[in-house]
PDB file of N, CA and C in Angstrom:
ATOM      1  N   LEU A   1     -16.051 -25.324 -37.031  1.00  0.00           N
ATOM      2  CA  LEU A   1     -16.036 -25.475 -35.590  1.00  0.00           C
ATOM      3  C   LEU A   1     -15.748 -26.944 -35.265  1.00  0.00           C
ATOM      4  N   THR A   2     -14.835 -27.142 -34.351  1.00  0.00           N
ATOM      5  CA  THR A   2     -14.488 -28.512 -33.980  1.00  0.00           C
ATOM      6  C   THR A   2     -14.911 -28.796 -32.545  1.00  0.00           C
ATOM      7  N   ALA A   3     -14.851 -30.038 -32.165  1.00  0.00           N
ATOM      8  CA  ALA A   3     -15.191 -30.422 -30.786  1.00  0.00           C
ATOM      9  C   ALA A   3     -14.259 -29.746 -29.792  1.00  0.00           C
ATOM     10  N   ASN A   4     -13.014 -29.536 -30.163  1.00  0.00           N
ATOM     11  CA  ASN A   4     -12.046 -28.890 -29.271  1.00  0.00           C
ATOM     12  C   ASN A   4     -12.369 -27.426 -29.021  1.00  0.00           C
ATOM     13  N   SER A   5     -13.075 -26.774 -29.928  1.00  0.00           N
ATOM     14  CA  SER A   5     -13.439 -25.368 -29.752  1.00  0.00           C
ATOM     15  C   SER A   5     -14.298 -25.183 -28.514  1.00  0.00           C
ATOM     16  N   ARG A   6     -15.239 -26.033 -28.315  1.00  0.00           N
ATOM     17  CA  ARG A   6     -16.122 -25.934 -27.152  1.00  0.00           C
ATOM     18  C   ARG A   6     -15.339 -26.130 -25.860  1.00  0.00           C
ATOM     19  N   VAL A   7     -14.443 -27.047 -25.840  1.00  0.00           N
ATOM     20  CA  VAL A   7     -13.623 -27.295 -24.654  1.00  0.00           C
ATOM     21  C   VAL A   7     -12.813 -26.054 -24.322  1.00  0.00           C
ATOM     22  N   LYS A   8     -12.261 -25.403 -25.321  1.00  0.00           N
ATOM     23  CA  LYS A   8     -11.453 -24.208 -25.098  1.00  0.00           C
ATOM     24  C   LYS A   8     -12.291 -23.107 -24.453  1.00  0.00           C
ATOM     25  N   VAL A   9     -13.485 -22.882 -24.948  1.00  0.00           N
ATOM     26  CA  VAL A   9     -14.352 -21.842 -24.405  1.00  0.00           C
ATOM     27  C   VAL A   9     -14.693 -22.141 -22.954  1.00  0.00           C
ATOM     28  N   VAL A  10     -15.028 -23.363 -22.647  1.00  0.00           N
ATOM     29  CA  VAL A  10     -15.366 -23.744 -21.276  1.00  0.00           C
ATOM     30  C   VAL A  10     -14.170 -23.523 -20.360  1.00  0.00           C
ATOM     31  N   LEU A  11     -12.984 -23.896 -20.783  1.00  0.00           N
ATOM     32  CA  LEU A  11     -11.784 -23.720 -19.967  1.00  0.00           C
ATOM     33  C   LEU A  11     -11.477 -22.244 -19.750  1.00  0.00           C
ATOM     34  N   GLU A  12     -11.655 -21.419 -20.781  1.00  0.00           N
ATOM     35  CA  GLU A  12     -11.413 -19.984 -20.638  1.00  0.00           C
ATOM     36  C   GLU A  12     -12.399 -19.372 -19.642  1.00  0.00           C
ATOM     37  N   ARG A  13     -13.643 -19.750 -19.700  1.00  0.00           N
ATOM     38  CA  ARG A  13     -14.646 -19.231 -18.758  1.00  0.00           C
ATOM     39  C   ARG A  13     -14.322 -19.661 -17.337  1.00  0.00           C
ATOM     40  N   GLU A  14     -13.890 -20.887 -17.162  1.00  0.00           N
ATOM     41  CA  GLU A  14     -13.545 -21.381 -15.828  1.00  0.00           C
ATOM     42  C   GLU A  14     -12.338 -20.618 -15.283  1.00  0.00           C
ATOM     43  N   ALA A  15     -11.364 -20.326 -16.132  1.00  0.00           N
ATOM     44  CA  ALA A  15     -10.193 -19.561 -15.699  1.00  0.00           C
ATOM     45  C   ALA A  15     -10.608 -18.156 -15.266  1.00  0.00           C
ATOM     46  N   GLN A  16     -11.512 -17.522 -15.998  1.00  0.00           N
ATOM     47  CA  GLN A  16     -12.005 -16.190 -15.628  1.00  0.00           C
ATOM     48  C   GLN A  16     -12.748 -16.244 -14.304  1.00  0.00           C
ATOM     49  N   ARG A  17     -13.530 -17.281 -14.093  1.00  0.00           N
ATOM     50  CA  ARG A  17     -14.280 -17.449 -12.845  1.00  0.00           C
ATOM     51  C   ARG A  17     -13.317 -17.593 -11.670  1.00  0.00           C
ATOM     52  N   GLU A  18     -12.275 -18.379 -11.840  1.00  0.00           N
ATOM     53  CA  GLU A  18     -11.298 -18.575 -10.770  1.00  0.00           C
ATOM     54  C   GLU A  18     -10.593 -17.268 -10.424  1.00  0.00           C
ATOM     55  N   LYS A  19     -10.258 -16.470 -11.427  1.00  0.00           N
ATOM     56  CA  LYS A  19      -9.619 -15.171 -11.174  1.00  0.00           C
ATOM     57  C   LYS A  19     -10.552 -14.248 -10.399  1.00  0.00           C
ATOM     58  N   ALA A  20     -11.831 -14.261 -10.750  1.00  0.00           N
ATOM     59  CA  ALA A  20     -12.799 -13.413 -10.050  1.00  0.00           C
ATOM     60  C   ALA A  20     -12.929 -13.838  -8.593  1.00  0.00           C
ATOM     61  N   ILE A  21     -12.941 -15.126  -8.342  1.00  0.00           N
ATOM     62  CA  ILE A  21     -13.046 -15.620  -6.966  1.00  0.00           C
ATOM     63  C   ILE A  21     -11.816 -15.215  -6.161  1.00  0.00           C
ATOM     64  N   GLU A  22     -10.627 -15.290  -6.763  1.00  0.00           N
ATOM     65  CA  GLU A  22      -9.400 -14.886  -6.075  1.00  0.00           C
ATOM     66  C   GLU A  22      -9.432 -13.404  -5.713  1.00  0.00           C
ATOM     67  N   ALA A  23     -10.023 -12.584  -6.576  1.00  0.00           N
ATOM     68  CA  ALA A  23     -10.055 -11.138  -6.343  1.00  0.00           C
ATOM     69  C   ALA A  23     -11.109 -10.741  -5.313  1.00  0.00           C
ATOM     70  N   PHE A  24     -12.084 -11.590  -5.079  1.00  0.00           N
ATOM     71  CA  PHE A  24     -13.160 -11.281  -4.145  1.00  0.00           C
ATOM     72  C   PHE A  24     -12.587 -11.045  -2.755  1.00  0.00           C
ATOM     73  N   GLY A  25     -12.916  -9.905  -2.178  1.00  0.00           N
ATOM     74  CA  GLY A  25     -12.422  -9.574  -0.844  1.00  0.00           C
ATOM     75  C   GLY A  25     -10.987  -9.086  -0.823  1.00  0.00           C
ATOM     76  N   ALA A  26     -10.456  -8.713  -1.967  1.00  0.00           N
ATOM     77  CA  ALA A  26      -9.055  -8.305  -2.050  1.00  0.00           C
ATOM     78  C   ALA A  26      -8.760  -7.089  -1.182  1.00  0.00           C
ATOM     79  N   TRP A  27      -9.759  -6.249  -0.933  1.00  0.00           N
ATOM     80  CA  TRP A  27      -9.537  -5.039  -0.138  1.00  0.00           C
ATOM     81  C   TRP A  27      -9.925  -5.228   1.323  1.00  0.00           C
ATOM     82  N   SER A  28     -10.309  -6.411   1.715  1.00  0.00           N
ATOM     83  CA  SER A  28     -10.859  -6.618   3.058  1.00  0.00           C
ATOM     84  C   SER A  28      -9.878  -6.288   4.178  1.00  0.00           C
ATOM     85  N   GLU A  29      -8.595  -6.391   3.931  1.00  0.00           N
ATOM     86  CA  GLU A  29      -7.609  -6.140   4.981  1.00  0.00           C
ATOM     87  C   GLU A  29      -7.012  -4.738   4.912  1.00  0.00           C
ATOM     88  N   ARG A  30      -7.481  -3.908   4.014  1.00  0.00           N
ATOM     89  CA  ARG A  30      -6.930  -2.551   3.894  1.00  0.00           C
ATOM     90  C   ARG A  30      -7.499  -1.660   4.982  1.00  0.00           C
ATOM     91  N   SER A  31      -6.611  -0.979   5.693  1.00  0.00           N
ATOM     92  CA  SER A  31      -7.062  -0.105   6.778  1.00  0.00           C
ATOM     93  C   SER A  31      -7.491   1.272   6.267  1.00  0.00           C
ATOM     94  N   ASP A  32      -7.072   1.652   5.057  1.00  0.00           N
ATOM     95  CA  ASP A  32      -7.424   2.964   4.521  1.00  0.00           C
ATOM     96  C   ASP A  32      -8.806   2.977   3.868  1.00  0.00           C
ATOM     97  N   ILE A  33      -9.413   1.828   3.695  1.00  0.00           N
ATOM     98  CA  ILE A  33     -10.752   1.736   3.115  1.00  0.00           C
ATOM     99  C   ILE A  33     -11.665   1.133   4.177  1.00  0.00           C
ATOM    100  N   LYS A  34     -12.355   2.008   4.893  1.00  0.00           N
ATOM    101  CA  LYS A  34     -13.233   1.554   5.979  1.00  0.00           C
ATOM    102  C   LYS A  34     -14.547   0.988   5.438  1.00  0.00           C
ATOM    103  N   ASP A  35     -15.148   1.704   4.497  1.00  0.00           N
ATOM    104  CA  ASP A  35     -16.453   1.323   3.964  1.00  0.00           C
ATOM    105  C   ASP A  35     -16.332   1.226   2.449  1.00  0.00           C
ATOM    106  N   GLY A  36     -16.392   0.016   1.920  1.00  0.00           N
ATOM    107  CA  GLY A  36     -16.210  -0.195   0.491  1.00  0.00           C
ATOM    108  C   GLY A  36     -17.233   0.528  -0.358  1.00  0.00           C
ATOM    109  N   VAL A  37     -18.485   0.554   0.076  1.00  0.00           N
ATOM    110  CA  VAL A  37     -19.544   1.216  -0.688  1.00  0.00           C
ATOM    111  C   VAL A  37     -19.269   2.711  -0.768  1.00  0.00           C
ATOM    112  N   GLU A  38     -18.928   3.319   0.361  1.00  0.00           N
ATOM    113  CA  GLU A  38     -18.628   4.752   0.384  1.00  0.00           C
ATOM    114  C   GLU A  38     -17.415   5.064  -0.493  1.00  0.00           C
ATOM    115  N   TYR A  39     -16.411   4.223  -0.435  1.00  0.00           N
ATOM    116  CA  TYR A  39     -15.196   4.414  -1.234  1.00  0.00           C
ATOM    117  C   TYR A  39     -15.519   4.404  -2.728  1.00  0.00           C
ATOM    118  N   VAL A  40     -16.306   3.436  -3.152  1.00  0.00           N
ATOM    119  CA  VAL A  40     -16.666   3.328  -4.569  1.00  0.00           C
ATOM    120  C   VAL A  40     -17.544   4.498  -4.995  1.00  0.00           C
ATOM    121  N   GLU A  41     -18.458   4.931  -4.144  1.00  0.00           N
ATOM    122  CA  GLU A  41     -19.301   6.083  -4.478  1.00  0.00           C
ATOM    123  C   GLU A  41     -18.454   7.332  -4.690  1.00  0.00           C
ATOM    124  N   LYS A  42     -17.424   7.519  -3.868  1.00  0.00           N
ATOM    125  CA  LYS A  42     -16.525   8.668  -4.051  1.00  0.00           C
ATOM    126  C   LYS A  42     -15.767   8.554  -5.370  1.00  0.00           C
ATOM    127  N   MET A  43     -15.311   7.344  -5.688  1.00  0.00           N
ATOM    128  CA  MET A  43     -14.614   7.147  -6.959  1.00  0.00           C
ATOM    129  C   MET A  43     -15.531   7.475  -8.133  1.00  0.00           C
ATOM    130  N   ARG A  44     -16.755   6.984  -8.080  1.00  0.00           N
ATOM    131  CA  ARG A  44     -17.704   7.225  -9.169  1.00  0.00           C
ATOM    132  C   ARG A  44     -18.049   8.699  -9.296  1.00  0.00           C
ATOM    133  N   ALA A  45     -18.144   9.398  -8.179  1.00  0.00           N
ATOM    134  CA  ALA A  45     -18.416  10.838  -8.226  1.00  0.00           C
ATOM    135  C   ALA A  45     -17.282  11.545  -8.956  1.00  0.00           C
ATOM    136  N   GLY A  46     -16.065  11.128  -8.711  1.00  0.00           N
ATOM    137  CA  GLY A  46     -14.919  11.710  -9.404  1.00  0.00           C
ATOM    138  C   GLY A  46     -14.982  11.463 -10.898  1.00  0.00           C
ATOM    139  N   TRP A  47     -15.416  10.272 -11.296  1.00  0.00           N
ATOM    140  CA  TRP A  47     -15.539   9.970 -12.719  1.00  0.00           C
ATOM    141  C   TRP A  47     -16.561  10.885 -13.362  1.00  0.00           C
ATOM    142  N   SER A  48     -17.666  11.102 -12.691  1.00  0.00           N
ATOM    143  CA  SER A  48     -18.721  11.954 -13.222  1.00  0.00           C
ATOM    144  C   SER A  48     -18.219  13.379 -13.416  1.00  0.00           C
ATOM    145  N   GLU A  49     -17.491  13.889 -12.425  1.00  0.00           N
ATOM    146  CA  GLU A  49     -16.943  15.246 -12.531  1.00  0.00           C
ATOM    147  C   GLU A  49     -15.973  15.349 -13.700  1.00  0.00           C
ATOM    148  N   ARG A  50     -15.125  14.351 -13.876  1.00  0.00           N
ATOM    149  CA  ARG A  50     -14.150  14.383 -14.972  1.00  0.00           C
ATOM    150  C   ARG A  50     -14.836  14.322 -16.331  1.00  0.00           C
ATOM    151  N   THR A  51     -15.843  13.464 -16.466  1.00  0.00           N
ATOM    152  CA  THR A  51     -16.518  13.379 -17.764  1.00  0.00           C
ATOM    153  C   THR A  51     -17.274  14.662 -18.071  1.00  0.00           C
ATOM    154  N   THR A  52     -17.806  15.330 -17.045  1.00  0.00           N
ATOM    155  CA  THR A  52     -18.478  16.613 -17.253  1.00  0.00           C
ATOM    156  C   THR A  52     -17.476  17.645 -17.749  1.00  0.00           C
ATOM    157  N   ARG A  53     -16.301  17.683 -17.145  1.00  0.00           N
ATOM    158  CA  ARG A  53     -15.268  18.635 -17.584  1.00  0.00           C
ATOM    159  C   ARG A  53     -14.839  18.340 -19.012  1.00  0.00           C
ATOM    160  N   ILE A  54     -14.698  17.067 -19.350  1.00  0.00           N
ATOM    161  CA  ILE A  54     -14.292  16.696 -20.707  1.00  0.00           C
ATOM    162  C   ILE A  54     -15.364  17.116 -21.704  1.00  0.00           C
ATOM    163  N   ASP A  55     -16.628  16.905 -21.362  1.00  0.00           N
ATOM    164  CA  ASP A  55     -17.730  17.274 -22.253  1.00  0.00           C
ATOM    165  C   ASP A  55     -17.793  18.779 -22.489  1.00  0.00           C
ATOM    166  N   ASN A  56     -17.360  19.558 -21.509  1.00  0.00           N
ATOM    167  CA  ASN A  56     -17.436  21.015 -21.618  1.00  0.00           C
ATOM    168  C   ASN A  56     -16.235  21.633 -22.319  1.00  0.00           C
ATOM    169  N   VAL A  57     -15.279  20.836 -22.702  1.00  0.00           N
ATOM    170  CA  VAL A  57     -14.078  21.375 -23.369  1.00  0.00           C
ATOM    171  C   VAL A  57     -14.332  21.601 -24.824  1.00  0.00           C
TER     172      VAL A  57
END
């Protein structure tokens, strides 16, 4: 392990943090998604139904 290894890890984490900040609120201007919580709950319900069907095959 070298001194440069630590710098690389810190820079990679900072880049990931910046990407997350840019994505925050990405759906705020969408007119088809009125309530983000309700939208995500519907998506998750669909995932549950699909995994149940897969398990039953």
